[in-house]
Amino acid sequence: MSSPKTKPWHGVLTATALPFNSDLSVNYDKYAEHIKWQAENGVHGAIPNGSLGEYQVLTADERTQVLKTALAAAPAGFNIVPGVAAYGAAESRRWTEQAAELGAKCVMLLPPTAYRANEDEIVAHYKEVSKVGLPIIAYNNPFDTKVDLTPQLVGRIANEAENVVAIKEFSGDVRRVWQIHQHAPRIEVLVGADDVLLELTTGGVVGWIAGFPNALPRESVDLYEMCVAGNYKEAAPIYAAVHNLFSWDSRKEFIVAIKVAMEAVGRYGGPTRLPRLPLPANDLAQLKKDIEQAVNFYKNRK
């Protein structure tokens, strides 16, 4: 494991895929092993119950057990930052209270997901969950939530919800990192999409909440650390080789794609729950080409 970061939201945090058995029950033993494998391969922490973990289709009991499993499996210095997204603030606050009770030191929170909330409602949502007292990573995903945490809105949140400390920026707009620094200077920025890693690090980030470390953990950490160190001469050819694969993290099929990549490198990915289905043949063929390109690059690099 890489050296522990100073804050639980710093460094590379893998948004972990959740392993399901063939009957679509959760395989907690495989999930615990996956957490340990991430730590052994240099990742700094993990996000259970995020979008990649299919939190929307878990029961309350499953969601609780996923967090307990991650916390129990995590070695010292490996940070577990659960997703606490929900339709409304009351439920998100309950998940955050549970996270605090179980020992998590930070959470990740989407805007309310029930409908396209207005700015006052979004600020109220973050203020309510902020009352629990845990540091919060706000998560901007305008594609899934239909709510855009613009830099100006992040500034409002920063002023009114004191425990929001950082933002996972997933808009794909690489200008946002500079604009957030201007409008919300106390809010730290984390790369939120794998295919803008290099670009966002040029603007100053403290971490990367990432999908493809589920399959390529050590390689992803090495790439991140090159980028934040400003070693772009060495990072650029690596980034070019993996970028086609990383771009799947920004597609709606990202969960299936990442599980396929896990299987390709000898890990257990397993099925997804409905409504997600396997990739169509053409998409799967392209994904396999993108995986092969990335894997062959790393083999040849060694």
C-alpha atoms as a PDB file:
ATOM      1  CA  MET A   1       0.000   0.000   0.000  1.00  0.00           C
ATOM      2  CA  SER A   2       1.235   3.508  -0.769  1.00  0.00           C
ATOM      3  CA  SER A   3       1.940   5.792   2.154  1.00  0.00           C
ATOM      4  CA  PRO A   4      -1.247   6.930   3.928  1.00  0.00           C
ATOM      5  CA  LYS A   5      -2.575  10.314   2.880  1.00  0.00           C
ATOM      6  CA  THR A   6      -3.115  13.110   5.385  1.00  0.00           C
ATOM      7  CA  LYS A   7      -6.893  13.200   4.889  1.00  0.00           C
ATOM      8  CA  PRO A   8      -9.231  10.284   4.145  1.00  0.00           C
ATOM      9  CA  TRP A   9     -10.351  11.808   0.840  1.00  0.00           C
ATOM     10  CA  HIS A  10      -6.796  12.288  -0.455  1.00  0.00           C
ATOM     11  CA  GLY A  11      -5.081  10.003  -2.945  1.00  0.00           C
ATOM     12  CA  VAL A  12      -6.532   7.325  -5.204  1.00  0.00           C
ATOM     13  CA  LEU A  13      -9.871   5.989  -3.966  1.00  0.00           C
ATOM     14  CA  THR A  14     -11.343   3.130  -5.950  1.00  0.00           C
ATOM     15  CA  ALA A  15     -15.094   3.340  -6.481  1.00  0.00           C
ATOM     16  CA  THR A  16     -15.458  -0.374  -5.941  1.00  0.00           C
ATOM     17  CA  ALA A  17     -17.541  -2.691  -8.077  1.00  0.00           C
ATOM     18  CA  LEU A  18     -19.649  -5.104  -6.043  1.00  0.00           C
ATOM     19  CA  PRO A  19     -19.368  -8.842  -6.756  1.00  0.00           C
ATOM     20  CA  PHE A  20     -22.651 -10.692  -7.180  1.00  0.00           C
ATOM     21  CA  ASN A  21     -23.053 -14.439  -7.311  1.00  0.00           C
ATOM     22  CA  SER A  22     -24.772 -16.103 -10.266  1.00  0.00           C
ATOM     23  CA  ASP A  23     -28.091 -15.823  -8.366  1.00  0.00           C
ATOM     24  CA  LEU A  24     -27.357 -12.071  -7.921  1.00  0.00           C
ATOM     25  CA  SER A  25     -26.869 -12.295  -4.176  1.00  0.00           C
ATOM     26  CA  VAL A  26     -23.937 -10.257  -2.838  1.00  0.00           C
ATOM     27  CA  ASN A  27     -20.693 -12.186  -2.383  1.00  0.00           C
ATOM     28  CA  TYR A  28     -19.320 -10.466   0.708  1.00  0.00           C
ATOM     29  CA  ASP A  29     -16.263 -12.732   0.919  1.00  0.00           C
ATOM     30  CA  LYS A  30     -15.158 -11.739  -2.585  1.00  0.00           C
ATOM     31  CA  TYR A  31     -15.817  -8.104  -1.761  1.00  0.00           C
ATOM     32  CA  ALA A  32     -13.635  -8.300   1.353  1.00  0.00           C
ATOM     33  CA  GLU A  33     -10.883  -9.917  -0.720  1.00  0.00           C
ATOM     34  CA  HIS A  34     -11.218  -7.150  -3.320  1.00  0.00           C
ATOM     35  CA  ILE A  35     -10.765  -4.455  -0.662  1.00  0.00           C
ATOM     36  CA  LYS A  36      -7.625  -6.185   0.619  1.00  0.00           C
ATOM     37  CA  TRP A  37      -6.280  -6.570  -2.936  1.00  0.00           C
ATOM     38  CA  GLN A  38      -6.783  -2.877  -3.592  1.00  0.00           C
ATOM     39  CA  ALA A  39      -4.777  -2.002  -0.484  1.00  0.00           C
ATOM     40  CA  GLU A  40      -2.039  -4.491  -1.345  1.00  0.00           C
ATOM     41  CA  ASN A  41      -1.681  -2.862  -4.749  1.00  0.00           C
ATOM     42  CA  GLY A  42      -1.117   0.666  -3.568  1.00  0.00           C
ATOM     43  CA  VAL A  43      -4.575   2.232  -3.633  1.00  0.00           C
ATOM     44  CA  HIS A  44      -5.189   4.640  -0.753  1.00  0.00           C
ATOM     45  CA  GLY A  45      -8.861   3.918  -0.094  1.00  0.00           C
ATOM     46  CA  ALA A  46     -12.169   2.653  -1.430  1.00  0.00           C
ATOM     47  CA  ILE A  47     -15.694   3.898  -1.976  1.00  0.00           C
ATOM     48  CA  PRO A  48     -18.345   1.285  -1.153  1.00  0.00           C
ATOM     49  CA  ASN A  49     -21.987   1.934  -2.032  1.00  0.00           C
ATOM     50  CA  GLY A  50     -21.214   4.318  -4.846  1.00  0.00           C
ATOM     51  CA  SER A  51     -22.746   4.245  -8.303  1.00  0.00           C
ATOM     52  CA  LEU A  52     -20.182   1.676  -9.435  1.00  0.00           C
ATOM     53  CA  GLY A  53     -21.244  -0.472  -6.471  1.00  0.00           C
ATOM     54  CA  GLU A  54     -24.846  -0.436  -7.738  1.00  0.00           C
ATOM     55  CA  TYR A  55     -26.138   1.080  -4.501  1.00  0.00           C
ATOM     56  CA  GLN A  56     -29.470   1.896  -6.123  1.00  0.00           C
ATOM     57  CA  VAL A  57     -30.397  -1.794  -6.397  1.00  0.00           C
ATOM     58  CA  LEU A  58     -29.256  -2.877  -2.935  1.00  0.00           C
ATOM     59  CA  THR A  59     -31.572  -3.454  -0.004  1.00  0.00           C
ATOM     60  CA  ALA A  60     -30.926  -1.443   3.154  1.00  0.00           C
ATOM     61  CA  ASP A  61     -29.509  -4.533   4.851  1.00  0.00           C
ATOM     62  CA  GLU A  62     -27.202  -5.256   1.916  1.00  0.00           C
ATOM     63  CA  ARG A  63     -25.989  -1.693   1.832  1.00  0.00           C
ATOM     64  CA  THR A  64     -25.182  -1.825   5.540  1.00  0.00           C
ATOM     65  CA  GLN A  65     -23.374  -5.137   5.218  1.00  0.00           C
ATOM     66  CA  VAL A  66     -21.320  -3.875   2.262  1.00  0.00           C
ATOM     67  CA  LEU A  67     -20.009  -1.028   4.419  1.00  0.00           C
ATOM     68  CA  LYS A  68     -19.326  -3.306   7.378  1.00  0.00           C
ATOM     69  CA  THR A  69     -17.465  -5.709   5.089  1.00  0.00           C
ATOM     70  CA  ALA A  70     -15.307  -2.942   3.630  1.00  0.00           C
ATOM     71  CA  LEU A  71     -14.433  -1.511   7.039  1.00  0.00           C
ATOM     72  CA  ALA A  72     -13.569  -4.934   8.464  1.00  0.00           C
ATOM     73  CA  ALA A  73     -11.373  -5.832   5.475  1.00  0.00           C
ATOM     74  CA  ALA A  74      -9.496  -2.526   5.277  1.00  0.00           C
ATOM     75  CA  PRO A  75      -5.981  -2.572   6.738  1.00  0.00           C
ATOM     76  CA  ALA A  76      -4.689   0.302   8.844  1.00  0.00           C
ATOM     77  CA  GLY A  77      -4.235   3.447   6.788  1.00  0.00           C
ATOM     78  CA  PHE A  78      -6.617   2.344   4.044  1.00  0.00           C
ATOM     79  CA  ASN A  79      -9.580   4.715   4.005  1.00  0.00           C
ATOM     80  CA  ILE A  80     -13.178   3.604   3.501  1.00  0.00           C
ATOM     81  CA  VAL A  81     -15.379   6.460   2.270  1.00  0.00           C
ATOM     82  CA  PRO A  82     -18.959   5.224   1.773  1.00  0.00           C
ATOM     83  CA  GLY A  83     -21.397   6.679  -0.673  1.00  0.00           C
ATOM     84  CA  VAL A  84     -24.490   7.999   1.110  1.00  0.00           C
ATOM     85  CA  ALA A  85     -26.614   9.055  -1.857  1.00  0.00           C
ATOM     86  CA  ALA A  86     -30.389   8.817  -1.567  1.00  0.00           C
ATOM     87  CA  TYR A  87     -33.608  10.353  -2.846  1.00  0.00           C
ATOM     88  CA  GLY A  88     -33.626  12.916  -0.066  1.00  0.00           C
ATOM     89  CA  ALA A  89     -31.618  14.481   2.747  1.00  0.00           C
ATOM     90  CA  ALA A  90     -33.274  12.535   5.573  1.00  0.00           C
ATOM     91  CA  GLU A  91     -32.175   9.194   4.146  1.00  0.00           C
ATOM     92  CA  SER A  92     -28.715  10.479   3.233  1.00  0.00           C
ATOM     93  CA  ARG A  93     -28.344  11.796   6.770  1.00  0.00           C
ATOM     94  CA  ARG A  94     -29.274   8.365   8.197  1.00  0.00           C
ATOM     95  CA  TRP A  95     -26.661   6.659   6.010  1.00  0.00           C
ATOM     96  CA  THR A  96     -24.109   9.248   7.121  1.00  0.00           C
ATOM     97  CA  GLU A  97     -24.976   8.738  10.788  1.00  0.00           C
ATOM     98  CA  GLN A  98     -24.549   5.002  10.305  1.00  0.00           C
ATOM     99  CA  ALA A  99     -21.189   5.555   8.598  1.00  0.00           C
ATOM    100  CA  ALA A 100     -20.023   7.604  11.578  1.00  0.00           C
ATOM    101  CA  GLU A 101     -21.244   4.966  14.042  1.00  0.00           C
ATOM    102  CA  LEU A 102     -19.389   2.224  12.157  1.00  0.00           C
ATOM    103  CA  GLY A 103     -16.150   4.199  12.081  1.00  0.00           C
ATOM    104  CA  ALA A 104     -15.953   5.804   8.641  1.00  0.00           C
ATOM    105  CA  LYS A 105     -14.129   9.142   8.634  1.00  0.00           C
ATOM    106  CA  CYS A 106     -15.659  10.686   5.515  1.00  0.00           C
ATOM    107  CA  VAL A 107     -18.578  10.141   3.113  1.00  0.00           C
ATOM    108  CA  MET A 108     -19.406  10.922  -0.506  1.00  0.00           C
ATOM    109  CA  LEU A 109     -22.751  12.571  -1.270  1.00  0.00           C
ATOM    110  CA  LEU A 110     -24.642  13.212  -4.495  1.00  0.00           C
ATOM    111  CA  PRO A 111     -27.313  15.900  -4.660  1.00  0.00           C
ATOM    112  CA  PRO A 112     -30.831  14.586  -3.944  1.00  0.00           C
ATOM    113  CA  THR A 113     -31.659  12.063  -6.652  1.00  0.00           C
ATOM    114  CA  ALA A 114     -35.478  12.100  -6.588  1.00  0.00           C
ATOM    115  CA  TYR A 115     -35.872  14.872  -9.164  1.00  0.00           C
ATOM    116  CA  ARG A 116     -34.054  17.882 -10.614  1.00  0.00           C
ATOM    117  CA  ALA A 117     -33.748  19.960  -7.468  1.00  0.00           C
ATOM    118  CA  ASN A 118     -33.196  23.715  -7.605  1.00  0.00           C
ATOM    119  CA  GLU A 119     -30.167  25.425  -6.083  1.00  0.00           C
ATOM    120  CA  ASP A 120     -31.820  26.277  -2.760  1.00  0.00           C
ATOM    121  CA  GLU A 121     -32.934  22.655  -2.371  1.00  0.00           C
ATOM    122  CA  ILE A 122     -29.462  21.367  -3.195  1.00  0.00           C
ATOM    123  CA  VAL A 123     -27.835  23.647  -0.651  1.00  0.00           C
ATOM    124  CA  ALA A 124     -30.413  22.598   1.969  1.00  0.00           C
ATOM    125  CA  HIS A 125     -29.630  18.936   1.187  1.00  0.00           C
ATOM    126  CA  TYR A 126     -25.928  19.386   1.864  1.00  0.00           C
ATOM    127  CA  LYS A 127     -26.578  21.516   4.948  1.00  0.00           C
ATOM    128  CA  GLU A 128     -28.790  18.818   6.456  1.00  0.00           C
ATOM    129  CA  VAL A 129     -26.281  16.011   5.947  1.00  0.00           C
ATOM    130  CA  SER A 130     -23.448  18.294   7.080  1.00  0.00           C
ATOM    131  CA  LYS A 131     -25.066  18.404  10.538  1.00  0.00           C
ATOM    132  CA  VAL A 132     -23.810  14.863  11.217  1.00  0.00           C
ATOM    133  CA  GLY A 133     -20.279  16.229  11.450  1.00  0.00           C
ATOM    134  CA  LEU A 134     -18.409  13.938   9.063  1.00  0.00           C
ATOM    135  CA  PRO A 135     -16.396  15.445   6.222  1.00  0.00           C
ATOM    136  CA  ILE A 136     -18.349  15.213   2.948  1.00  0.00           C
ATOM    137  CA  ILE A 137     -17.127  14.852  -0.608  1.00  0.00           C
ATOM    138  CA  ALA A 138     -19.810  16.393  -2.812  1.00  0.00           C
ATOM    139  CA  TYR A 139     -20.269  14.418  -6.024  1.00  0.00           C
ATOM    140  CA  ASN A 140     -21.082  16.255  -9.225  1.00  0.00           C
ATOM    141  CA  ASN A 141     -22.621  13.851 -11.745  1.00  0.00           C
ATOM    142  CA  PRO A 142     -24.978  15.908 -13.920  1.00  0.00           C
ATOM    143  CA  PHE A 143     -25.534  12.997 -16.313  1.00  0.00           C
ATOM    144  CA  ASP A 144     -27.170  10.678 -13.790  1.00  0.00           C
ATOM    145  CA  THR A 145     -28.720  13.201 -11.409  1.00  0.00           C
ATOM    146  CA  LYS A 146     -29.713  15.906 -13.936  1.00  0.00           C
ATOM    147  CA  VAL A 147     -28.287  18.344 -11.380  1.00  0.00           C
ATOM    148  CA  ASP A 148     -25.074  20.210 -12.132  1.00  0.00           C
ATOM    149  CA  LEU A 149     -22.995  21.385  -9.195  1.00  0.00           C
ATOM    150  CA  THR A 150     -21.580  24.362 -11.062  1.00  0.00           C
ATOM    151  CA  PRO A 151     -18.557  26.128  -9.566  1.00  0.00           C
ATOM    152  CA  GLN A 152     -20.827  28.974  -8.476  1.00  0.00           C
ATOM    153  CA  LEU A 153     -23.177  26.534  -6.727  1.00  0.00           C
ATOM    154  CA  VAL A 154     -20.217  24.772  -5.118  1.00  0.00           C
ATOM    155  CA  GLY A 155     -19.287  28.189  -3.743  1.00  0.00           C
ATOM    156  CA  ARG A 156     -22.706  28.478  -2.097  1.00  0.00           C
ATOM    157  CA  ILE A 157     -22.431  24.988  -0.668  1.00  0.00           C
ATOM    158  CA  ALA A 158     -18.980  25.793   0.696  1.00  0.00           C
ATOM    159  CA  ASN A 159     -20.343  28.870   2.447  1.00  0.00           C
ATOM    160  CA  GLU A 160     -23.414  27.186   3.950  1.00  0.00           C
ATOM    161  CA  ALA A 161     -22.477  23.536   4.578  1.00  0.00           C
ATOM    162  CA  GLU A 162     -19.298  23.642   6.624  1.00  0.00           C
ATOM    163  CA  ASN A 163     -18.516  19.924   6.505  1.00  0.00           C
ATOM    164  CA  VAL A 164     -18.440  19.738   2.716  1.00  0.00           C
ATOM    165  CA  VAL A 165     -14.691  19.640   2.198  1.00  0.00           C
ATOM    166  CA  ALA A 166     -14.167  18.397  -1.364  1.00  0.00           C
ATOM    167  CA  ILE A 167     -15.862  17.619  -4.639  1.00  0.00           C
ATOM    168  CA  LYS A 168     -15.676  14.689  -7.022  1.00  0.00           C
ATOM    169  CA  GLU A 169     -15.825  16.489 -10.381  1.00  0.00           C
ATOM    170  CA  PHE A 170     -17.429  14.276 -13.019  1.00  0.00           C
ATOM    171  CA  SER A 171     -18.768  16.806 -15.518  1.00  0.00           C
ATOM    172  CA  GLY A 172     -15.934  16.141 -17.964  1.00  0.00           C
ATOM    173  CA  ASP A 173     -15.358  19.892 -18.310  1.00  0.00           C
ATOM    174  CA  VAL A 174     -11.674  20.314 -17.504  1.00  0.00           C
ATOM    175  CA  ARG A 175     -12.161  24.055 -16.972  1.00  0.00           C
ATOM    176  CA  ARG A 176     -14.115  23.332 -13.824  1.00  0.00           C
ATOM    177  CA  VAL A 177     -11.063  22.693 -11.662  1.00  0.00           C
ATOM    178  CA  TRP A 178      -9.886  26.267 -12.145  1.00  0.00           C
ATOM    179  CA  GLN A 179     -13.383  27.697 -11.668  1.00  0.00           C
ATOM    180  CA  ILE A 180     -13.941  25.764  -8.431  1.00  0.00           C
ATOM    181  CA  HIS A 181     -10.663  27.105  -7.051  1.00  0.00           C
ATOM    182  CA  GLN A 182     -11.970  30.600  -7.822  1.00  0.00           C
ATOM    183  CA  HIS A 183     -15.538  30.306  -6.540  1.00  0.00           C
ATOM    184  CA  ALA A 184     -14.953  27.834  -3.661  1.00  0.00           C
ATOM    185  CA  PRO A 185     -11.289  28.119  -2.685  1.00  0.00           C
ATOM    186  CA  ARG A 186     -11.627  25.985   0.456  1.00  0.00           C
ATOM    187  CA  ILE A 187     -13.138  23.040  -1.456  1.00  0.00           C
ATOM    188  CA  GLU A 188     -10.567  20.489  -2.578  1.00  0.00           C
ATOM    189  CA  VAL A 189     -11.021  18.901  -5.992  1.00  0.00           C
ATOM    190  CA  LEU A 190     -10.850  15.207  -6.804  1.00  0.00           C
ATOM    191  CA  VAL A 191     -10.720  13.837 -10.332  1.00  0.00           C
ATOM    192  CA  GLY A 192     -14.094  12.171 -10.853  1.00  0.00           C
ATOM    193  CA  ALA A 193     -13.790  10.576 -14.290  1.00  0.00           C
ATOM    194  CA  ASP A 194     -10.918   8.367 -15.393  1.00  0.00           C
ATOM    195  CA  ASP A 195     -10.583   9.915 -18.850  1.00  0.00           C
ATOM    196  CA  VAL A 196      -9.816  13.439 -17.590  1.00  0.00           C
ATOM    197  CA  LEU A 197      -7.172  12.406 -15.064  1.00  0.00           C
ATOM    198  CA  LEU A 198      -4.171  14.050 -16.696  1.00  0.00           C
ATOM    199  CA  GLU A 199      -6.047  17.212 -17.664  1.00  0.00           C
ATOM    200  CA  LEU A 200      -7.507  17.879 -14.206  1.00  0.00           C
ATOM    201  CA  THR A 201      -4.224  17.299 -12.384  1.00  0.00           C
ATOM    202  CA  THR A 202      -2.772  20.308 -14.206  1.00  0.00           C
ATOM    203  CA  GLY A 203      -5.192  22.455 -12.204  1.00  0.00           C
ATOM    204  CA  GLY A 204      -4.388  21.129  -8.755  1.00  0.00           C
ATOM    205  CA  VAL A 205      -6.241  18.155  -7.257  1.00  0.00           C
ATOM    206  CA  VAL A 206      -5.881  16.155  -4.042  1.00  0.00           C
ATOM    207  CA  GLY A 207      -7.219  12.827  -5.243  1.00  0.00           C
ATOM    208  CA  TRP A 208      -8.892  10.650  -7.826  1.00  0.00           C
ATOM    209  CA  ILE A 209     -12.091   8.677  -7.271  1.00  0.00           C
ATOM    210  CA  ALA A 210     -11.557   6.121  -9.971  1.00  0.00           C
ATOM    211  CA  GLY A 211     -13.185   3.159 -11.676  1.00  0.00           C
ATOM    212  CA  PHE A 212     -10.456   1.260 -13.489  1.00  0.00           C
ATOM    213  CA  PRO A 213      -8.260   0.611 -10.436  1.00  0.00           C
ATOM    214  CA  ASN A 214     -10.797  -2.179  -9.903  1.00  0.00           C
ATOM    215  CA  ALA A 215      -8.806  -3.933 -12.656  1.00  0.00           C
ATOM    216  CA  LEU A 216      -5.508  -1.999 -12.763  1.00  0.00           C
ATOM    217  CA  PRO A 217      -4.853  -0.678  -9.254  1.00  0.00           C
ATOM    218  CA  ARG A 218      -1.076  -0.386  -9.109  1.00  0.00           C
ATOM    219  CA  GLU A 219      -0.854   0.917 -12.657  1.00  0.00           C
ATOM    220  CA  SER A 220      -3.500   3.548 -11.919  1.00  0.00           C
ATOM    221  CA  VAL A 221      -1.790   4.733  -8.732  1.00  0.00           C
ATOM    222  CA  ASP A 222       1.531   5.034 -10.543  1.00  0.00           C
ATOM    223  CA  LEU A 223      -0.092   7.094 -13.296  1.00  0.00           C
ATOM    224  CA  TYR A 224      -1.859   9.356 -10.797  1.00  0.00           C
ATOM    225  CA  GLU A 225       1.329   9.992  -8.863  1.00  0.00           C
ATOM    226  CA  MET A 226       3.223  10.865 -12.052  1.00  0.00           C
ATOM    227  CA  CYS A 227       0.518  13.368 -12.947  1.00  0.00           C
ATOM    228  CA  VAL A 228       0.269  15.095  -9.573  1.00  0.00           C
ATOM    229  CA  ALA A 229       4.066  15.323  -9.498  1.00  0.00           C
ATOM    230  CA  GLY A 230       3.934  17.110 -12.854  1.00  0.00           C
ATOM    231  CA  ASN A 231       5.845  14.343 -14.611  1.00  0.00           C
ATOM    232  CA  TYR A 232       3.756  14.634 -17.742  1.00  0.00           C
ATOM    233  CA  LYS A 233       6.559  13.623 -20.102  1.00  0.00           C
ATOM    234  CA  GLU A 234       6.477  10.121 -18.639  1.00  0.00           C
ATOM    235  CA  ALA A 235       2.735  10.080 -17.925  1.00  0.00           C
ATOM    236  CA  ALA A 236       1.519  11.176 -21.364  1.00  0.00           C
ATOM    237  CA  PRO A 237       2.353   8.007 -23.347  1.00  0.00           C
ATOM    238  CA  ILE A 238       0.861   5.838 -20.615  1.00  0.00           C
ATOM    239  CA  TYR A 239      -2.282   7.954 -20.537  1.00  0.00           C
ATOM    240  CA  ALA A 240      -2.532   7.751 -24.316  1.00  0.00           C
ATOM    241  CA  ALA A 241      -2.337   3.960 -24.187  1.00  0.00           C
ATOM    242  CA  VAL A 242      -5.063   3.565 -21.560  1.00  0.00           C
ATOM    243  CA  HIS A 243      -7.317   6.474 -22.516  1.00  0.00           C
ATOM    244  CA  ASN A 244      -9.652   4.487 -24.751  1.00  0.00           C
ATOM    245  CA  LEU A 245     -10.237   2.088 -21.868  1.00  0.00           C
ATOM    246  CA  PHE A 246     -10.581   4.873 -19.303  1.00  0.00           C
ATOM    247  CA  SER A 247     -13.220   6.553 -21.481  1.00  0.00           C
ATOM    248  CA  TRP A 248     -15.637   3.727 -20.617  1.00  0.00           C
ATOM    249  CA  ASP A 249     -15.765   5.167 -17.105  1.00  0.00           C
ATOM    250  CA  SER A 250     -17.690   8.128 -18.553  1.00  0.00           C
ATOM    251  CA  ARG A 251     -20.278   5.998 -20.353  1.00  0.00           C
ATOM    252  CA  LYS A 252     -23.546   4.742 -18.938  1.00  0.00           C
ATOM    253  CA  GLU A 253     -22.253   1.180 -19.424  1.00  0.00           C
ATOM    254  CA  PHE A 254     -19.323   1.860 -17.076  1.00  0.00           C
ATOM    255  CA  ILE A 255     -20.195  -0.761 -14.455  1.00  0.00           C
ATOM    256  CA  VAL A 256     -20.455  -3.593 -16.957  1.00  0.00           C
ATOM    257  CA  ALA A 257     -17.302  -2.405 -18.747  1.00  0.00           C
ATOM    258  CA  ILE A 258     -15.246  -2.294 -15.569  1.00  0.00           C
ATOM    259  CA  LYS A 259     -16.425  -5.761 -14.531  1.00  0.00           C
ATOM    260  CA  VAL A 260     -15.439  -7.092 -17.956  1.00  0.00           C
ATOM    261  CA  ALA A 261     -11.998  -5.499 -17.524  1.00  0.00           C
ATOM    262  CA  MET A 262     -11.668  -7.129 -14.115  1.00  0.00           C
ATOM    263  CA  GLU A 263     -12.378 -10.538 -15.625  1.00  0.00           C
ATOM    264  CA  ALA A 264      -9.850  -9.877 -18.399  1.00  0.00           C
ATOM    265  CA  VAL A 265      -7.021  -9.431 -15.889  1.00  0.00           C
ATOM    266  CA  GLY A 266      -7.995 -12.455 -13.819  1.00  0.00           C
ATOM    267  CA  ARG A 267     -10.187 -10.821 -11.192  1.00  0.00           C
ATOM    268  CA  TYR A 268     -13.800 -11.678 -10.417  1.00  0.00           C
ATOM    269  CA  GLY A 269     -16.172  -9.135 -11.922  1.00  0.00           C
ATOM    270  CA  GLY A 270     -19.387 -11.108 -12.075  1.00  0.00           C
ATOM    271  CA  PRO A 271     -22.832 -10.087 -13.257  1.00  0.00           C
ATOM    272  CA  THR A 272     -24.770  -6.876 -12.663  1.00  0.00           C
ATOM    273  CA  ARG A 273     -28.302  -6.563 -11.335  1.00  0.00           C
ATOM    274  CA  LEU A 274     -31.134  -5.320 -13.495  1.00  0.00           C
ATOM    275  CA  PRO A 275     -31.719  -2.905 -15.082  1.00  0.00           C
ATOM    276  CA  ARG A 276     -28.114  -3.324 -16.255  1.00  0.00           C
ATOM    277  CA  LEU A 277     -27.570  -5.986 -18.908  1.00  0.00           C
ATOM    278  CA  PRO A 278     -24.443  -7.361 -20.623  1.00  0.00           C
ATOM    279  CA  LEU A 279     -22.952  -5.199 -23.354  1.00  0.00           C
ATOM    280  CA  PRO A 280     -24.206  -5.589 -26.927  1.00  0.00           C
ATOM    281  CA  ALA A 281     -21.808  -7.584 -29.120  1.00  0.00           C
ATOM    282  CA  ASN A 282     -20.383  -4.560 -30.954  1.00  0.00           C
ATOM    283  CA  ASP A 283     -19.701  -2.673 -27.736  1.00  0.00           C
ATOM    284  CA  LEU A 284     -18.155  -5.727 -26.113  1.00  0.00           C
ATOM    285  CA  ALA A 285     -15.844  -6.244 -29.075  1.00  0.00           C
ATOM    286  CA  GLN A 286     -14.660  -2.630 -28.866  1.00  0.00           C
ATOM    287  CA  LEU A 287     -14.198  -2.859 -25.097  1.00  0.00           C
ATOM    288  CA  LYS A 288     -12.062  -5.979 -25.481  1.00  0.00           C
ATOM    289  CA  LYS A 289      -9.857  -4.152 -27.993  1.00  0.00           C
ATOM    290  CA  ASP A 290      -9.461  -1.264 -25.558  1.00  0.00           C
ATOM    291  CA  ILE A 291      -8.599  -3.638 -22.707  1.00  0.00           C
ATOM    292  CA  GLU A 292      -6.087  -5.465 -24.884  1.00  0.00           C
ATOM    293  CA  GLN A 293      -4.416  -2.207 -25.890  1.00  0.00           C
ATOM    294  CA  ALA A 294      -3.997  -1.144 -22.260  1.00  0.00           C
ATOM    295  CA  VAL A 295      -2.869  -4.534 -20.971  1.00  0.00           C
ATOM    296  CA  ASN A 296      -0.395  -5.076 -23.823  1.00  0.00           C
ATOM    297  CA  PHE A 297       1.081  -1.631 -23.249  1.00  0.00           C
ATOM    298  CA  TYR A 298       1.815  -2.480 -19.629  1.00  0.00           C
ATOM    299  CA  LYS A 299       3.217  -5.894 -20.522  1.00  0.00           C
ATOM    300  CA  ASN A 300       5.581  -4.370 -23.075  1.00  0.00           C
ATOM    301  CA  ARG A 301       6.528  -1.567 -20.688  1.00  0.00           C
ATOM    302  CA  LYS A 302       7.767  -4.094 -18.145  1.00  0.00           C
END
